[in-house]
Amino acid sequence: MECLREDHESLRELLMRLDVRLELGEAARPAIHEISLVLAAQLRGHVQREGRLAVACSRLLGTWNAQTLARFAVDHHTDQAYLRVITRCAAKPSRCAFAALRPSLNGLRVSLRLHMDQQETELFPFLEEMLDRHRQPSGTGEPPAGVNGSLIGRETMVYT
């Protein structure tokens, strides 16, 4: 879970840098392009880590709240779509006026922050509870049967 929280800190820092550049206007287009490329790469990595953790927890539960997972997946899809538009527009000033970037930039900023807030208040506590509940259920200090010992991020056991 700690790696997902660190992802959020890094993503929030990039969003703050994007906020500052947006206030600078057209002159900041190259910086916005660079930040959007880094943001896209970090978001992809975060989505992958989150997906692996969700799979691990679903194996623990035997069932999973599909609506919750689907909502978070859609949110990620929306954020990635915003980033594609921003990256494309920021890279080609002749084809895309800076004013045309603003709706996607604003959409991304709002969407990604809301998404992270929801994860931190809804999804993360649930996943942590599931992991804590199943981390050492035997009380012997040994991993439960079926644990393959691999890690997601730095601390999450994957159950097979």
N, C-alpha and C. Protein backbone atom coordinates (compact mmCIF):
# COMPACT_ATOMS: atom_id res chain seq x y z
N MET A 1 0.82 -1.19 0.00
CA MET A 1 0.00 0.00 0.00
C MET A 1 0.86 1.26 0.00
N GLU A 2 2.01 1.14 0.65
CA GLU A 2 2.87 2.33 0.75
C GLU A 2 3.29 2.81 -0.64
N CYS A 3 3.54 1.87 -1.55
CA CYS A 3 3.97 2.30 -2.89
C CYS A 3 2.85 3.07 -3.60
N LEU A 4 1.60 2.72 -3.37
CA LEU A 4 0.49 3.45 -3.99
C LEU A 4 0.37 4.85 -3.38
N ARG A 5 0.59 4.95 -2.10
CA ARG A 5 0.56 6.27 -1.46
C ARG A 5 1.71 7.15 -1.98
N GLU A 6 2.87 6.55 -2.15
CA GLU A 6 4.01 7.30 -2.71
C GLU A 6 3.71 7.73 -4.14
N ASP A 7 3.05 6.86 -4.91
CA ASP A 7 2.63 7.23 -6.26
C ASP A 7 1.76 8.48 -6.20
N HIS A 8 0.81 8.49 -5.29
CA HIS A 8 -0.10 9.62 -5.17
C HIS A 8 0.65 10.90 -4.83
N GLU A 9 1.62 10.80 -3.93
CA GLU A 9 2.42 11.99 -3.59
C GLU A 9 3.13 12.53 -4.82
N SER A 10 3.72 11.63 -5.58
CA SER A 10 4.44 12.03 -6.79
C SER A 10 3.50 12.63 -7.84
N LEU A 11 2.34 12.00 -8.02
CA LEU A 11 1.36 12.51 -8.98
C LEU A 11 0.84 13.88 -8.54
N ARG A 12 0.60 14.06 -7.26
CA ARG A 12 0.14 15.36 -6.76
C ARG A 12 1.21 16.45 -6.99
N GLU A 13 2.46 16.09 -6.79
CA GLU A 13 3.54 17.05 -7.04
C GLU A 13 3.57 17.45 -8.52
N LEU A 14 3.42 16.49 -9.41
CA LEU A 14 3.38 16.80 -10.84
C LEU A 14 2.18 17.68 -11.18
N LEU A 15 1.05 17.40 -10.55
CA LEU A 15 -0.13 18.23 -10.80
C LEU A 15 0.09 19.67 -10.31
N MET A 16 0.79 19.82 -9.21
CA MET A 16 1.09 21.18 -8.73
C MET A 16 2.01 21.90 -9.72
N ARG A 17 2.98 21.18 -10.25
CA ARG A 17 3.86 21.78 -11.26
C ARG A 17 3.05 22.17 -12.50
N LEU A 18 2.09 21.33 -12.85
CA LEU A 18 1.22 21.63 -13.99
C LEU A 18 0.38 22.87 -13.71
N ASP A 19 -0.13 22.99 -12.49
CA ASP A 19 -0.91 24.17 -12.10
C ASP A 19 -0.12 25.45 -12.32
N VAL A 20 1.13 25.45 -11.87
CA VAL A 20 1.99 26.63 -12.00
C VAL A 20 2.21 26.96 -13.47
N ARG A 21 2.51 25.94 -14.27
CA ARG A 21 2.78 26.17 -15.70
C ARG A 21 1.54 26.66 -16.43
N LEU A 22 0.40 26.18 -16.02
CA LEU A 22 -0.84 26.61 -16.66
C LEU A 22 -1.05 28.11 -16.47
N GLU A 23 -0.70 28.60 -15.31
CA GLU A 23 -0.83 30.04 -15.04
C GLU A 23 0.11 30.87 -15.91
N LEU A 24 1.21 30.28 -16.36
CA LEU A 24 2.18 31.00 -17.19
C LEU A 24 1.72 31.13 -18.64
N GLY A 25 0.77 30.31 -19.04
CA GLY A 25 0.21 30.41 -20.39
C GLY A 25 1.08 29.80 -21.47
N GLU A 26 0.97 30.35 -22.67
CA GLU A 26 1.62 29.82 -23.88
C GLU A 26 3.11 29.57 -23.70
N ALA A 27 3.79 30.43 -23.00
CA ALA A 27 5.24 30.29 -22.82
C ALA A 27 5.62 28.99 -22.11
N ALA A 28 4.69 28.42 -21.39
CA ALA A 28 4.96 27.20 -20.63
C ALA A 28 4.63 25.92 -21.40
N ARG A 29 4.25 26.05 -22.66
CA ARG A 29 3.85 24.87 -23.44
C ARG A 29 4.91 23.76 -23.41
N PRO A 30 6.21 24.04 -23.64
CA PRO A 30 7.20 22.95 -23.58
C PRO A 30 7.25 22.27 -22.21
N ALA A 31 7.15 23.05 -21.15
CA ALA A 31 7.17 22.47 -19.80
C ALA A 31 5.92 21.64 -19.56
N ILE A 32 4.78 22.10 -20.04
CA ILE A 32 3.54 21.34 -19.89
C ILE A 32 3.65 20.01 -20.63
N HIS A 33 4.24 20.04 -21.82
CA HIS A 33 4.44 18.81 -22.58
C HIS A 33 5.31 17.84 -21.80
N GLU A 34 6.42 18.32 -21.27
CA GLU A 34 7.33 17.47 -20.51
C GLU A 34 6.65 16.90 -19.26
N ILE A 35 5.96 17.74 -18.53
CA ILE A 35 5.26 17.29 -17.32
C ILE A 35 4.20 16.25 -17.68
N SER A 36 3.49 16.47 -18.78
CA SER A 36 2.43 15.51 -19.15
C SER A 36 3.02 14.16 -19.54
N LEU A 37 4.21 14.14 -20.16
CA LEU A 37 4.86 12.87 -20.48
C LEU A 37 5.25 12.12 -19.21
N VAL A 38 5.82 12.83 -18.26
CA VAL A 38 6.20 12.21 -16.99
C VAL A 38 4.96 11.75 -16.23
N LEU A 39 3.94 12.58 -16.22
CA LEU A 39 2.69 12.24 -15.54
C LEU A 39 2.07 10.98 -16.15
N ALA A 40 2.07 10.90 -17.47
CA ALA A 40 1.50 9.73 -18.15
C ALA A 40 2.27 8.46 -17.77
N ALA A 41 3.59 8.54 -17.77
CA ALA A 41 4.41 7.36 -17.43
C ALA A 41 4.17 6.95 -15.98
N GLN A 42 4.14 7.92 -15.07
CA GLN A 42 3.92 7.58 -13.67
C GLN A 42 2.52 7.04 -13.43
N LEU A 43 1.54 7.58 -14.13
CA LEU A 43 0.18 7.09 -13.98
C LEU A 43 0.06 5.65 -14.49
N ARG A 44 0.72 5.34 -15.61
CA ARG A 44 0.70 3.96 -16.12
C ARG A 44 1.28 3.00 -15.08
N GLY A 45 2.42 3.35 -14.50
CA GLY A 45 3.02 2.50 -13.48
C GLY A 45 2.11 2.33 -12.27
N HIS A 46 1.48 3.41 -11.86
CA HIS A 46 0.56 3.37 -10.72
C HIS A 46 -0.62 2.44 -11.01
N VAL A 47 -1.17 2.55 -12.20
CA VAL A 47 -2.31 1.70 -12.58
C VAL A 47 -1.90 0.23 -12.54
N GLN A 48 -0.72 -0.09 -13.01
CA GLN A 48 -0.25 -1.47 -12.99
C GLN A 48 -0.08 -1.98 -11.55
N ARG A 49 0.55 -1.19 -10.70
CA ARG A 49 0.73 -1.60 -9.29
C ARG A 49 -0.62 -1.77 -8.60
N GLU A 50 -1.52 -0.85 -8.86
CA GLU A 50 -2.85 -0.92 -8.26
C GLU A 50 -3.59 -2.17 -8.74
N GLY A 51 -3.46 -2.48 -10.01
CA GLY A 51 -4.11 -3.67 -10.56
C GLY A 51 -3.59 -4.95 -9.92
N ARG A 52 -2.27 -5.04 -9.75
CA ARG A 52 -1.70 -6.23 -9.11
C ARG A 52 -2.19 -6.36 -7.67
N LEU A 53 -2.28 -5.24 -6.97
CA LEU A 53 -2.77 -5.28 -5.60
C LEU A 53 -4.24 -5.70 -5.55
N ALA A 54 -5.04 -5.20 -6.48
CA ALA A 54 -6.45 -5.57 -6.52
C ALA A 54 -6.61 -7.07 -6.78
N VAL A 55 -5.80 -7.62 -7.66
CA VAL A 55 -5.85 -9.06 -7.94
C VAL A 55 -5.47 -9.84 -6.69
N ALA A 56 -4.42 -9.40 -6.00
CA ALA A 56 -4.01 -10.08 -4.77
C ALA A 56 -5.14 -10.07 -3.74
N CYS A 57 -5.78 -8.92 -3.58
CA CYS A 57 -6.87 -8.83 -2.61
C CYS A 57 -8.08 -9.63 -3.04
N SER A 58 -8.35 -9.67 -4.34
CA SER A 58 -9.50 -10.45 -4.79
C SER A 58 -9.27 -11.93 -4.53
N ARG A 59 -8.03 -12.36 -4.62
CA ARG A 59 -7.72 -13.76 -4.29
C ARG A 59 -7.92 -14.02 -2.81
N LEU A 60 -7.63 -13.03 -1.99
CA LEU A 60 -7.84 -13.18 -0.55
C LEU A 60 -9.32 -13.32 -0.23
N LEU A 61 -10.11 -12.52 -0.88
CA LEU A 61 -11.54 -12.47 -0.58
C LEU A 61 -12.32 -13.61 -1.20
N GLY A 62 -11.83 -14.10 -2.32
CA GLY A 62 -12.59 -15.08 -3.07
C GLY A 62 -13.61 -14.40 -3.97
N THR A 63 -14.07 -13.23 -3.58
CA THR A 63 -14.97 -12.43 -4.42
C THR A 63 -14.48 -11.00 -4.34
N TRP A 64 -14.99 -10.17 -5.19
CA TRP A 64 -14.53 -8.78 -5.23
C TRP A 64 -15.70 -7.89 -5.57
N ASN A 65 -15.70 -6.70 -5.06
CA ASN A 65 -16.73 -5.74 -5.40
C ASN A 65 -16.43 -5.20 -6.78
N ALA A 66 -17.03 -5.79 -7.80
CA ALA A 66 -16.73 -5.45 -9.19
C ALA A 66 -17.07 -4.00 -9.53
N GLN A 67 -18.11 -3.48 -8.95
CA GLN A 67 -18.49 -2.09 -9.24
C GLN A 67 -17.42 -1.11 -8.77
N THR A 68 -16.86 -1.35 -7.60
CA THR A 68 -15.81 -0.47 -7.09
C THR A 68 -14.59 -0.52 -7.99
N LEU A 69 -14.15 -1.72 -8.33
CA LEU A 69 -12.98 -1.85 -9.22
C LEU A 69 -13.25 -1.23 -10.57
N ALA A 70 -14.43 -1.44 -11.12
CA ALA A 70 -14.77 -0.90 -12.44
C ALA A 70 -14.76 0.62 -12.41
N ARG A 71 -15.25 1.21 -11.34
CA ARG A 71 -15.27 2.67 -11.24
C ARG A 71 -13.85 3.23 -11.23
N PHE A 72 -12.96 2.59 -10.47
CA PHE A 72 -11.59 3.07 -10.42
C PHE A 72 -10.89 2.86 -11.77
N ALA A 73 -11.19 1.78 -12.46
CA ALA A 73 -10.60 1.54 -13.78
C ALA A 73 -11.07 2.58 -14.78
N VAL A 74 -12.35 2.93 -14.75
CA VAL A 74 -12.88 3.96 -15.65
C VAL A 74 -12.21 5.30 -15.36
N ASP A 75 -12.03 5.62 -14.08
CA ASP A 75 -11.36 6.87 -13.73
C ASP A 75 -9.96 6.91 -14.32
N HIS A 76 -9.24 5.81 -14.25
CA HIS A 76 -7.90 5.77 -14.83
C HIS A 76 -7.97 5.95 -16.34
N HIS A 77 -8.94 5.34 -16.96
CA HIS A 77 -9.10 5.47 -18.41
C HIS A 77 -9.34 6.93 -18.80
N THR A 78 -10.16 7.61 -18.04
CA THR A 78 -10.44 9.03 -18.29
C THR A 78 -9.18 9.87 -18.14
N ASP A 79 -8.41 9.62 -17.08
CA ASP A 79 -7.18 10.37 -16.86
C ASP A 79 -6.19 10.15 -18.00
N GLN A 80 -6.07 8.91 -18.46
CA GLN A 80 -5.16 8.61 -19.58
C GLN A 80 -5.62 9.31 -20.85
N ALA A 81 -6.92 9.39 -21.07
CA ALA A 81 -7.43 10.07 -22.27
C ALA A 81 -7.09 11.56 -22.22
N TYR A 82 -7.25 12.18 -21.07
CA TYR A 82 -6.86 13.59 -20.92
C TYR A 82 -5.37 13.76 -21.23
N LEU A 83 -4.56 12.87 -20.70
CA LEU A 83 -3.11 12.99 -20.90
C LEU A 83 -2.73 12.84 -22.37
N ARG A 84 -3.40 11.96 -23.09
CA ARG A 84 -3.11 11.82 -24.53
C ARG A 84 -3.39 13.12 -25.27
N VAL A 85 -4.51 13.75 -24.99
CA VAL A 85 -4.86 15.02 -25.64
C VAL A 85 -3.84 16.09 -25.28
N ILE A 86 -3.51 16.19 -24.00
CA ILE A 86 -2.57 17.22 -23.54
C ILE A 86 -1.21 17.02 -24.19
N THR A 87 -0.71 15.80 -24.18
CA THR A 87 0.61 15.52 -24.74
C THR A 87 0.64 15.84 -26.23
N ARG A 88 -0.39 15.44 -26.93
CA ARG A 88 -0.46 15.69 -28.37
C ARG A 88 -0.53 17.19 -28.66
N CYS A 89 -1.40 17.90 -27.97
CA CYS A 89 -1.56 19.34 -28.20
C CYS A 89 -0.33 20.13 -27.77
N ALA A 90 0.24 19.78 -26.64
CA ALA A 90 1.40 20.52 -26.15
C ALA A 90 2.59 20.35 -27.07
N ALA A 91 2.68 19.20 -27.73
CA ALA A 91 3.82 18.93 -28.61
C ALA A 91 3.69 19.63 -29.96
N LYS A 92 2.50 19.98 -30.38
CA LYS A 92 2.28 20.55 -31.71
C LYS A 92 1.57 21.89 -31.61
N PRO A 93 2.31 22.94 -31.25
CA PRO A 93 1.68 24.25 -31.07
C PRO A 93 1.01 24.76 -32.33
N SER A 94 1.51 24.40 -33.49
CA SER A 94 0.92 24.90 -34.73
C SER A 94 -0.47 24.32 -34.98
N ARG A 95 -0.75 23.16 -34.41
CA ARG A 95 -2.04 22.49 -34.64
C ARG A 95 -3.04 22.71 -33.52
N CYS A 96 -2.58 23.22 -32.40
CA CYS A 96 -3.46 23.28 -31.23
C CYS A 96 -3.17 24.56 -30.45
N ALA A 97 -4.11 25.46 -30.41
CA ALA A 97 -3.95 26.69 -29.64
C ALA A 97 -3.88 26.37 -28.15
N PHE A 98 -3.15 27.18 -27.42
CA PHE A 98 -3.01 26.94 -25.99
C PHE A 98 -4.37 26.93 -25.30
N ALA A 99 -5.26 27.78 -25.75
CA ALA A 99 -6.61 27.82 -25.17
C ALA A 99 -7.32 26.48 -25.31
N ALA A 100 -6.99 25.73 -26.37
CA ALA A 100 -7.60 24.41 -26.56
C ALA A 100 -7.07 23.39 -25.56
N LEU A 101 -5.91 23.65 -24.99
CA LEU A 101 -5.35 22.75 -23.98
C LEU A 101 -6.07 22.88 -22.64
N ARG A 102 -6.55 24.07 -22.36
CA ARG A 102 -7.11 24.35 -21.03
C ARG A 102 -8.21 23.38 -20.59
N PRO A 103 -9.20 23.05 -21.43
CA PRO A 103 -10.23 22.12 -20.96
C PRO A 103 -9.67 20.76 -20.54
N SER A 104 -8.73 20.23 -21.33
CA SER A 104 -8.14 18.94 -20.97
C SER A 104 -7.27 19.06 -19.73
N LEU A 105 -6.50 20.13 -19.64
CA LEU A 105 -5.67 20.34 -18.45
C LEU A 105 -6.53 20.45 -17.20
N ASN A 106 -7.57 21.25 -17.28
CA ASN A 106 -8.46 21.40 -16.13
C ASN A 106 -9.18 20.10 -15.81
N GLY A 107 -9.63 19.39 -16.84
CA GLY A 107 -10.29 18.10 -16.62
C GLY A 107 -9.37 17.11 -15.94
N LEU A 108 -8.13 17.03 -16.41
CA LEU A 108 -7.17 16.12 -15.81
C LEU A 108 -6.90 16.50 -14.35
N ARG A 109 -6.67 17.75 -14.10
CA ARG A 109 -6.35 18.21 -12.75
C ARG A 109 -7.48 17.85 -11.78
N VAL A 110 -8.70 18.11 -12.17
CA VAL A 110 -9.85 17.83 -11.30
C VAL A 110 -10.06 16.32 -11.17
N SER A 111 -10.06 15.62 -12.30
CA SER A 111 -10.35 14.19 -12.31
C SER A 111 -9.32 13.39 -11.52
N LEU A 112 -8.06 13.65 -11.75
CA LEU A 112 -7.01 12.88 -11.09
C LEU A 112 -6.98 13.15 -9.58
N ARG A 113 -7.15 14.40 -9.20
CA ARG A 113 -7.18 14.71 -7.76
C ARG A 113 -8.39 14.05 -7.07
N LEU A 114 -9.54 14.12 -7.70
CA LEU A 114 -10.74 13.49 -7.14
C LEU A 114 -10.54 11.99 -7.04
N HIS A 115 -10.00 11.40 -8.09
CA HIS A 115 -9.76 9.96 -8.12
C HIS A 115 -8.83 9.55 -6.97
N MET A 116 -7.75 10.28 -6.79
CA MET A 116 -6.81 9.93 -5.72
C MET A 116 -7.45 10.10 -4.35
N ASP A 117 -8.22 11.17 -4.17
CA ASP A 117 -8.92 11.38 -2.90
C ASP A 117 -9.87 10.22 -2.60
N GLN A 118 -10.61 9.78 -3.63
CA GLN A 118 -11.55 8.66 -3.44
C GLN A 118 -10.80 7.38 -3.11
N GLN A 119 -9.70 7.13 -3.79
CA GLN A 119 -8.93 5.93 -3.49
C GLN A 119 -8.42 5.95 -2.05
N GLU A 120 -7.91 7.10 -1.63
CA GLU A 120 -7.33 7.19 -0.30
C GLU A 120 -8.37 7.07 0.81
N THR A 121 -9.61 7.45 0.52
CA THR A 121 -10.65 7.37 1.55
C THR A 121 -11.50 6.11 1.45
N GLU A 122 -11.61 5.52 0.25
CA GLU A 122 -12.48 4.35 0.07
C GLU A 122 -11.70 3.07 -0.21
N LEU A 123 -10.90 3.08 -1.26
CA LEU A 123 -10.25 1.85 -1.72
C LEU A 123 -9.08 1.44 -0.83
N PHE A 124 -8.18 2.35 -0.53
CA PHE A 124 -6.99 1.99 0.23
C PHE A 124 -7.31 1.42 1.61
N PRO A 125 -8.21 2.05 2.38
CA PRO A 125 -8.53 1.47 3.68
C PRO A 125 -9.11 0.05 3.56
N PHE A 126 -9.93 -0.17 2.55
CA PHE A 126 -10.50 -1.50 2.33
C PHE A 126 -9.40 -2.50 2.01
N LEU A 127 -8.51 -2.15 1.07
CA LEU A 127 -7.44 -3.06 0.70
C LEU A 127 -6.50 -3.32 1.87
N GLU A 128 -6.19 -2.30 2.64
CA GLU A 128 -5.33 -2.48 3.81
C GLU A 128 -5.96 -3.42 4.82
N GLU A 129 -7.25 -3.26 5.03
CA GLU A 129 -7.95 -4.14 5.97
C GLU A 129 -7.88 -5.59 5.50
N MET A 130 -8.10 -5.81 4.21
CA MET A 130 -8.05 -7.16 3.68
C MET A 130 -6.64 -7.75 3.80
N LEU A 131 -5.65 -6.95 3.48
CA LEU A 131 -4.27 -7.43 3.58
C LEU A 131 -3.89 -7.72 5.03
N ASP A 132 -4.24 -6.82 5.94
CA ASP A 132 -3.93 -7.03 7.35
C ASP A 132 -4.63 -8.27 7.89
N ARG A 133 -5.86 -8.45 7.48
CA ARG A 133 -6.66 -9.58 7.96
C ARG A 133 -6.07 -10.91 7.50
N HIS A 134 -5.46 -10.92 6.32
CA HIS A 134 -5.00 -12.19 5.75
C HIS A 134 -3.49 -12.33 5.71
N ARG A 135 -2.78 -11.36 6.22
CA ARG A 135 -1.32 -11.40 6.13
C ARG A 135 -0.74 -12.60 6.89
N GLN A 136 -1.15 -12.82 8.11
CA GLN A 136 -0.63 -13.92 8.92
C GLN A 136 -1.79 -14.64 9.63
N PRO A 137 -2.74 -15.21 8.90
CA PRO A 137 -3.93 -15.77 9.55
C PRO A 137 -3.65 -16.99 10.41
N SER A 138 -2.53 -17.69 10.18
CA SER A 138 -2.30 -18.91 10.95
C SER A 138 -1.80 -18.62 12.36
N GLY A 139 -1.27 -17.41 12.60
CA GLY A 139 -0.74 -17.07 13.92
C GLY A 139 0.60 -17.73 14.20
N THR A 140 1.16 -18.43 13.23
CA THR A 140 2.43 -19.14 13.43
C THR A 140 3.62 -18.34 12.95
N GLY A 141 3.39 -17.20 12.34
CA GLY A 141 4.50 -16.45 11.77
C GLY A 141 4.84 -16.89 10.37
N GLU A 142 4.19 -17.95 9.93
CA GLU A 142 4.41 -18.46 8.57
C GLU A 142 3.33 -17.91 7.65
N PRO A 143 3.67 -17.68 6.38
CA PRO A 143 2.64 -17.24 5.43
C PRO A 143 1.59 -18.33 5.29
N PRO A 144 0.36 -17.95 5.02
CA PRO A 144 -0.69 -18.93 4.82
C PRO A 144 -0.42 -19.77 3.58
N ALA A 145 -1.03 -20.92 3.51
CA ALA A 145 -0.88 -21.80 2.35
C ALA A 145 -1.29 -21.04 1.09
N GLY A 146 -0.52 -21.21 0.04
CA GLY A 146 -0.85 -20.57 -1.23
C GLY A 146 -0.13 -19.27 -1.47
N VAL A 147 0.63 -18.78 -0.49
CA VAL A 147 1.36 -17.53 -0.69
C VAL A 147 2.63 -17.84 -1.46
N ASN A 148 2.85 -17.13 -2.55
CA ASN A 148 4.06 -17.40 -3.33
C ASN A 148 5.21 -16.51 -2.93
N GLY A 149 4.99 -15.58 -1.99
CA GLY A 149 6.08 -14.78 -1.45
C GLY A 149 6.52 -13.60 -2.29
N SER A 150 5.94 -13.42 -3.46
CA SER A 150 6.36 -12.26 -4.24
C SER A 150 5.71 -11.01 -3.67
N LEU A 151 6.27 -9.87 -4.03
CA LEU A 151 5.79 -8.61 -3.47
C LEU A 151 5.22 -7.71 -4.54
N ILE A 152 4.26 -6.93 -4.15
CA ILE A 152 3.75 -5.84 -4.97
C ILE A 152 4.24 -4.59 -4.28
N GLY A 153 4.93 -3.77 -4.99
CA GLY A 153 5.51 -2.61 -4.34
C GLY A 153 6.53 -3.10 -3.34
N ARG A 154 6.34 -2.78 -2.07
CA ARG A 154 7.32 -3.14 -1.08
C ARG A 154 6.79 -4.06 0.02
N GLU A 155 5.48 -4.24 0.11
CA GLU A 155 5.01 -4.94 1.30
C GLU A 155 3.88 -5.93 1.08
N THR A 156 3.30 -6.02 -0.07
CA THR A 156 2.07 -6.79 -0.24
C THR A 156 2.35 -8.18 -0.77
N MET A 157 1.94 -9.19 -0.03
CA MET A 157 2.11 -10.56 -0.51
C MET A 157 1.09 -10.86 -1.59
N VAL A 158 1.50 -11.64 -2.56
CA VAL A 158 0.59 -12.07 -3.61
C VAL A 158 0.16 -13.48 -3.29
N TYR A 159 -1.12 -13.73 -3.28
CA TYR A 159 -1.67 -15.04 -2.99
C TYR A 159 -2.02 -15.72 -4.30
N THR A 160 -1.69 -16.99 -4.40
CA THR A 160 -2.01 -17.74 -5.62
C THR A 160 -2.95 -18.87 -5.32
